[in-house]
Amino acid sequence: MVSHKTLTLVALCALALPACTKREARIRVTAEVSGPTLNLSAVLEGADGQSLSGALVKLTDPGGAVGLVSFDARKNAYALTAPALEGEYRLEADSLGSGRQRLSFPVQVFPTEPGVVSVQDGEGSKAEEFKKLRAGTPIRVEWRPVEGAERYLLELRQGGKAVGSVAVSGGYSYVIPPNTFQASAVGAAATVQVTASAQSGDLDYSRGYLSYTSTQGPSYSFQVVP
């Protein structure tokens, strides 16, 4: 038989879950790879949820090399910038406030860039053949796939300003709607550029980490006419 006191305790815990749940110290890691560079940010939290700054933090890369990670007061986190290596990293933090904390996380490095290979208007004229494109027709952009990429961001610019961007998943091309670019009789310059990206972990850090990789291809310019 369940006593009245037990039922009361269960009810109180349901109403005030944080008070009945013991919080533990943890590490939250953000690993961002941009091109060949890894930018690491790690937040060490005590059992009270407050960030700690006095820990000894070591990072082991996939090749087995070990380095110290310093605390950056501007970011309120342990931060490191280093050449990125493909594989699993291991972070270890030790302090009086958190005890010894360990976390492993993956880092992905793209082998290539998503360079634009073709820009073609609705009449079949191709920018790679040094043709001017008709701005009033759909303009198809194709780029090289990047191994391991999950999505691509296509950015459109003209006159030094962004005129649009679109995220593409599961493909390596996009058709720009007619009249997206402003044309001129002699030809107006337009530019497209593609960024490839992939992500593992999650923004809520339920796995303890967010690992994000991106690489940007070169700008590709062409001329548009009415």
Protein backbone atom coordinates (compact mmCIF):
# COMPACT_ATOMS: atom_id res chain seq x y z
CA MET A 1 0.00 0.00 0.00
CA VAL A 2 1.29 3.47 -0.92
CA SER A 3 1.27 5.85 2.03
CA HIS A 4 -0.19 9.34 2.05
CA LYS A 5 3.31 10.77 2.70
CA THR A 6 4.73 9.01 -0.41
CA LEU A 7 1.94 10.35 -2.61
CA THR A 8 2.52 13.85 -1.24
CA LEU A 9 6.27 13.65 -2.05
CA VAL A 10 5.59 12.46 -5.60
CA ALA A 11 3.14 15.32 -6.11
CA LEU A 12 5.65 17.87 -4.83
CA CYS A 13 8.36 16.52 -7.16
CA ALA A 14 6.00 16.79 -10.13
CA LEU A 15 5.31 20.42 -9.27
CA ALA A 16 8.95 21.31 -8.59
CA LEU A 17 10.96 18.92 -10.75
CA PRO A 18 14.28 20.85 -10.62
CA ALA A 19 14.27 20.67 -6.83
CA CYS A 20 13.80 16.86 -6.90
CA THR A 21 16.27 16.19 -9.72
CA LYS A 22 19.98 16.25 -8.94
CA ARG A 23 21.90 18.30 -11.48
CA GLU A 24 25.38 17.18 -12.45
CA ALA A 25 28.42 19.00 -13.76
CA ARG A 26 28.89 18.80 -17.51
CA ILE A 27 30.77 20.07 -20.58
CA ARG A 28 29.06 21.66 -23.57
CA VAL A 29 31.21 21.78 -26.72
CA THR A 30 30.73 23.67 -29.97
CA ALA A 31 33.13 22.57 -32.70
CA GLU A 32 32.95 24.63 -35.88
CA VAL A 33 35.04 23.77 -38.92
CA SER A 34 35.33 26.47 -41.55
CA GLY A 35 37.50 25.36 -44.46
CA PRO A 36 40.67 23.90 -42.90
CA THR A 37 40.24 25.52 -39.47
CA LEU A 38 38.66 24.19 -36.28
CA ASN A 39 37.18 26.72 -33.85
CA LEU A 40 36.43 25.07 -30.53
CA SER A 41 34.37 26.53 -27.70
CA ALA A 42 33.73 24.57 -24.50
CA VAL A 43 31.63 25.61 -21.51
CA LEU A 44 32.26 23.77 -18.24
CA GLU A 45 29.32 23.92 -15.86
CA GLY A 46 29.24 23.02 -12.19
CA ALA A 47 26.36 21.19 -10.52
CA ASP A 48 24.73 24.58 -9.91
CA GLY A 49 24.68 25.32 -13.65
CA GLN A 50 27.26 28.13 -13.37
CA SER A 51 30.21 28.18 -15.79
CA LEU A 52 33.65 27.47 -14.33
CA SER A 53 36.88 29.16 -15.40
CA GLY A 54 39.62 27.58 -13.30
CA ALA A 55 39.79 24.12 -14.82
CA LEU A 56 42.64 22.25 -16.47
CA VAL A 57 41.25 21.46 -19.94
CA LYS A 58 43.01 19.16 -22.39
CA LEU A 59 42.06 18.31 -25.97
CA THR A 60 43.20 15.13 -27.73
CA ASP A 61 42.92 15.19 -31.52
CA PRO A 62 42.28 12.17 -33.78
CA GLY A 63 46.03 11.72 -34.25
CA GLY A 64 46.62 11.42 -30.50
CA ALA A 65 48.23 14.85 -29.99
CA VAL A 66 47.28 16.51 -26.69
CA GLY A 67 47.03 20.27 -26.13
CA LEU A 68 45.81 22.59 -23.42
CA VAL A 69 42.70 24.71 -23.97
CA SER A 70 42.75 28.14 -22.33
CA PHE A 71 39.82 30.06 -20.88
CA ASP A 72 38.69 33.03 -22.98
CA ALA A 73 37.01 35.61 -20.75
CA ARG A 74 35.44 37.38 -23.73
CA LYS A 75 33.57 34.21 -24.71
CA ASN A 76 33.15 32.97 -21.14
CA ALA A 77 34.35 29.61 -22.47
CA TYR A 78 37.46 27.56 -23.09
CA ALA A 79 38.45 28.31 -26.69
CA LEU A 80 40.92 27.01 -29.23
CA THR A 81 41.66 27.57 -32.91
CA ALA A 82 43.68 24.90 -34.71
CA PRO A 83 43.96 23.04 -38.02
CA ALA A 84 40.99 20.72 -38.36
CA LEU A 85 41.46 16.95 -38.51
CA GLU A 86 38.84 14.42 -39.54
CA GLY A 87 37.81 12.04 -36.76
CA GLU A 88 37.01 11.88 -33.07
CA TYR A 89 38.30 14.45 -30.58
CA ARG A 90 38.33 13.98 -26.80
CA LEU A 91 38.02 16.83 -24.31
CA GLU A 92 38.88 16.39 -20.65
CA ALA A 93 38.33 19.00 -17.93
CA ASP A 94 39.35 18.78 -14.29
CA SER A 95 38.47 21.25 -11.55
CA LEU A 96 37.35 21.32 -7.93
CA GLY A 97 33.94 22.63 -8.99
CA SER A 98 33.19 19.97 -11.59
CA GLY A 99 35.45 17.04 -10.86
CA ARG A 100 36.81 15.26 -13.92
CA GLN A 101 34.62 15.58 -16.99
CA ARG A 102 35.22 13.86 -20.34
CA LEU A 103 33.48 14.22 -23.68
CA SER A 104 34.19 12.77 -27.12
CA PHE A 105 32.83 14.41 -30.27
CA PRO A 106 33.27 13.99 -34.03
CA VAL A 107 34.77 16.52 -36.43
CA GLN A 108 34.18 16.36 -40.16
CA VAL A 109 36.48 17.96 -42.75
CA PHE A 110 35.27 18.40 -46.31
CA PRO A 111 37.79 17.28 -48.96
CA THR A 112 36.61 19.73 -51.65
CA GLU A 113 34.73 23.00 -52.19
CA PRO A 114 31.32 23.39 -53.87
CA GLY A 115 32.53 25.33 -56.91
CA VAL A 116 29.96 26.48 -59.48
CA VAL A 117 30.31 24.53 -62.74
CA SER A 118 27.47 25.94 -64.86
CA VAL A 119 25.11 28.90 -65.03
CA GLN A 120 22.54 28.71 -67.84
CA ASP A 121 19.49 30.78 -68.75
CA GLY A 122 16.13 29.58 -70.07
CA GLU A 123 17.26 30.02 -73.69
CA GLY A 124 20.28 27.76 -73.31
CA SER A 125 22.98 30.44 -73.09
CA LYS A 126 25.77 29.46 -70.69
CA ALA A 127 27.93 31.79 -68.64
CA GLU A 128 30.84 29.33 -68.82
CA GLU A 129 30.80 29.87 -72.59
CA PHE A 130 31.15 33.62 -71.95
CA LYS A 131 27.53 34.27 -72.97
CA LYS A 132 25.36 36.96 -71.42
CA LEU A 133 22.26 35.52 -69.78
CA ARG A 134 18.65 36.65 -70.08
CA ALA A 135 17.53 37.95 -66.71
CA GLY A 136 13.85 37.51 -67.67
CA THR A 137 14.22 33.74 -67.95
CA PRO A 138 14.88 31.12 -65.26
CA ILE A 139 18.61 30.80 -64.59
CA ARG A 140 19.90 27.39 -63.56
CA VAL A 141 22.99 27.15 -61.32
CA GLU A 142 24.88 23.86 -60.91
CA TRP A 143 27.79 23.15 -58.56
CA ARG A 144 30.12 20.33 -57.60
CA PRO A 145 28.85 18.02 -54.86
CA VAL A 146 30.93 17.83 -51.69
CA GLU A 147 31.38 14.44 -50.05
CA GLY A 148 29.72 14.42 -46.61
CA ALA A 149 27.73 17.64 -47.10
CA GLU A 150 24.08 17.58 -46.01
CA ARG A 151 22.96 20.91 -47.40
CA TYR A 152 24.07 23.81 -49.60
CA LEU A 153 23.45 27.53 -49.31
CA LEU A 154 23.28 29.40 -52.62
CA GLU A 155 23.82 33.15 -52.25
CA LEU A 156 22.92 35.66 -54.97
CA ARG A 157 24.52 39.10 -55.18
CA GLN A 158 24.45 42.08 -57.47
CA GLY A 159 25.99 45.51 -57.15
CA GLY A 160 27.74 44.48 -53.95
CA LYS A 161 24.43 43.62 -52.25
CA ALA A 162 22.68 40.35 -51.46
CA VAL A 163 19.56 39.84 -53.58
CA GLY A 164 18.62 36.44 -52.25
CA SER A 165 19.73 33.13 -50.76
CA VAL A 166 18.30 29.63 -50.76
CA ALA A 167 19.08 26.41 -48.87
CA VAL A 168 19.24 23.26 -50.97
CA SER A 169 19.20 19.69 -49.63
CA GLY A 170 19.49 16.53 -51.68
CA GLY A 171 20.66 18.19 -54.90
CA TYR A 172 23.45 20.11 -56.58
CA SER A 173 21.52 22.69 -58.59
CA TYR A 174 18.90 25.41 -58.26
CA VAL A 175 16.78 27.37 -60.73
CA ILE A 176 16.74 31.09 -59.97
CA PRO A 177 13.33 32.64 -60.76
CA PRO A 178 13.07 35.12 -63.67
CA ASN A 179 13.88 38.78 -62.98
CA THR A 180 15.74 38.05 -59.76
CA PHE A 181 18.65 40.06 -61.17
CA GLN A 182 18.45 43.57 -62.59
CA ALA A 183 19.58 43.58 -66.22
CA SER A 184 21.05 46.24 -68.48
CA ALA A 185 21.40 46.42 -72.24
CA VAL A 186 25.18 46.22 -72.10
CA GLY A 187 25.15 43.56 -69.38
CA ALA A 188 24.92 43.88 -65.60
CA ALA A 189 27.24 41.89 -63.36
CA ALA A 190 25.74 39.26 -61.05
CA THR A 191 27.41 36.79 -58.70
CA VAL A 192 26.52 33.42 -57.20
CA GLN A 193 28.36 31.53 -54.46
CA VAL A 194 27.74 28.17 -52.77
CA THR A 195 28.49 27.05 -49.20
CA ALA A 196 28.35 23.36 -48.23
CA SER A 197 27.62 22.32 -44.65
CA ALA A 198 26.90 19.39 -42.33
CA GLN A 199 26.03 19.09 -38.64
CA SER A 200 26.04 16.48 -35.90
CA GLY A 201 24.99 16.71 -32.28
CA ASP A 202 22.27 19.23 -31.49
CA LEU A 203 21.64 22.81 -30.43
CA ASP A 204 20.24 21.68 -27.06
CA TYR A 205 23.50 19.84 -26.29
CA SER A 206 21.62 16.71 -25.20
CA ARG A 207 24.64 14.82 -26.52
CA GLY A 208 26.99 17.38 -25.04
CA TYR A 209 28.18 18.80 -28.33
CA LEU A 210 27.31 20.55 -31.57
CA SER A 211 29.74 19.85 -34.42
CA TYR A 212 29.30 21.99 -37.54
CA THR A 213 31.32 21.94 -40.75
CA SER A 214 31.16 24.34 -43.68
CA THR A 215 33.21 25.27 -46.70
CA GLN A 216 32.55 27.98 -49.26
CA GLY A 217 33.31 27.82 -52.95
CA PRO A 218 34.64 30.79 -54.93
CA SER A 219 32.34 33.50 -56.24
CA TYR A 220 31.13 32.97 -59.80
CA SER A 221 30.32 36.11 -61.83
CA PHE A 222 28.39 36.55 -65.08
CA GLN A 223 26.50 39.19 -67.07
CA VAL A 224 22.71 39.54 -67.37
CA VAL A 225 20.77 41.36 -70.09
CA PRO A 226 17.02 41.98 -70.60
